[in-house]
Every structure is written in C-alpha cells, then in structure tokens.
C-alpha cells in the first residue's frame, strides 16, 4: 500500500495524526476491576491500519505498523 505513512528503521510508524472520524472512547465500566484501566480510554485509527490509544488530543501513541 502506497498510502501508508513512513516508518523508522526499527518498524515504528512516524504518523501522529489519526484518521478523521475514527476517534472513539471505550466504556469498560461494566467489566469489573480487572479491566477498569480501559474505561474512558480514547482510541483512534492510524492510516497504517493500526488502532492505538490517543493520550493527547490530536496525537497518537507510538506504535509499530501492521505486518503484511
């Protein structure tokens, strides 16, 4: 795929902007104490195909690209 963002030599994606319209918030309040760390986490899709968390608005967490 030519529309994939560039990657560093060790495989990490250099893109920081999520695909517009893919931001979602996980509601894990009913799953109990074991998964309470997931409640309220913002997730977004990267153009490389990976879904990662979004710690700051407009930024994606460092992640490796999907392998084909």
Protein backbone atom coordinates (compact mmCIF):
# COMPACT_ATOMS: atom_id res chain seq x y z
CA UNK A 1 0.00 0.00 0.00
CA UNK A 2 1.50 3.31 -1.05
CA UNK A 3 -0.72 5.39 1.25
CA UNK A 4 0.97 4.02 4.39
CA UNK A 5 2.98 6.55 6.39
CA UNK A 6 6.75 6.15 6.57
CA UNK A 7 8.33 4.05 9.28
CA UNK A 8 11.57 4.22 11.21
CA UNK A 9 14.19 1.51 10.56
CA UNK A 10 13.04 -0.40 13.66
CA UNK A 11 9.41 -0.52 12.40
CA UNK A 12 7.70 2.28 14.33
CA UNK A 13 5.16 4.41 12.50
CA UNK A 14 6.09 8.09 12.17
CA UNK A 15 2.48 9.30 11.81
CA UNK A 16 0.96 11.17 14.75
CA UNK A 17 -2.39 12.23 13.24
CA UNK A 18 -5.36 9.82 13.46
CA UNK A 19 -7.74 9.19 10.58
CA UNK A 20 -10.57 11.69 10.90
CA UNK A 21 -13.81 10.23 12.22
CA UNK A 22 -12.26 7.17 13.88
CA UNK A 23 -11.91 8.50 17.44
CA UNK A 24 -13.89 6.50 19.99
CA UNK A 25 -13.98 6.22 23.77
CA UNK A 26 -14.05 2.80 25.41
CA UNK A 27 -16.75 2.27 28.02
CA UNK A 28 -15.47 -0.55 30.22
CA UNK A 29 -17.25 0.40 33.43
CA UNK A 30 -19.34 -2.80 33.48
CA UNK A 31 -16.39 -5.19 33.03
CA UNK A 32 -15.21 -5.05 36.65
CA UNK A 33 -11.99 -4.14 38.43
CA UNK A 34 -9.74 -6.22 36.20
CA UNK A 35 -10.41 -4.01 33.15
CA UNK A 36 -11.03 -0.68 34.89
CA UNK A 37 -7.86 0.78 33.35
CA UNK A 38 -9.60 0.67 29.94
CA UNK A 39 -12.58 2.82 30.96
CA UNK A 40 -12.54 6.23 29.28
CA UNK A 41 -9.54 5.48 27.06
CA UNK A 42 -9.61 7.24 23.68
CA UNK A 43 -8.77 5.03 20.71
CA UNK A 44 -8.19 6.12 17.11
CA UNK A 45 -7.23 4.51 13.81
CA UNK A 46 -3.86 5.29 12.19
CA UNK A 47 -3.53 5.41 8.37
CA UNK A 48 -1.12 2.46 8.62
CA UNK A 49 -4.02 0.24 9.76
CA UNK A 50 -3.29 0.01 13.49
CA UNK A 51 -5.73 1.14 16.18
CA UNK A 52 -3.90 2.78 19.10
CA UNK A 53 -4.72 4.88 22.11
CA UNK A 54 -4.62 8.63 21.97
CA UNK A 55 -3.01 10.14 25.10
CA UNK A 56 -3.31 13.79 23.93
CA UNK A 57 -5.89 15.29 21.62
CA UNK A 58 -4.59 15.09 18.05
CA UNK A 59 -1.68 12.76 18.88
CA UNK A 60 -1.35 9.01 18.61
CA UNK A 61 0.75 6.85 20.90
CA UNK A 62 3.99 5.44 19.42
CA UNK A 63 3.19 2.16 17.69
CA UNK A 64 4.56 -0.30 15.17
CA UNK A 65 2.95 -0.66 11.76
CA UNK A 66 0.93 -3.76 10.92
CA UNK A 67 2.83 -6.53 9.19
CA UNK A 68 1.64 -7.75 5.81
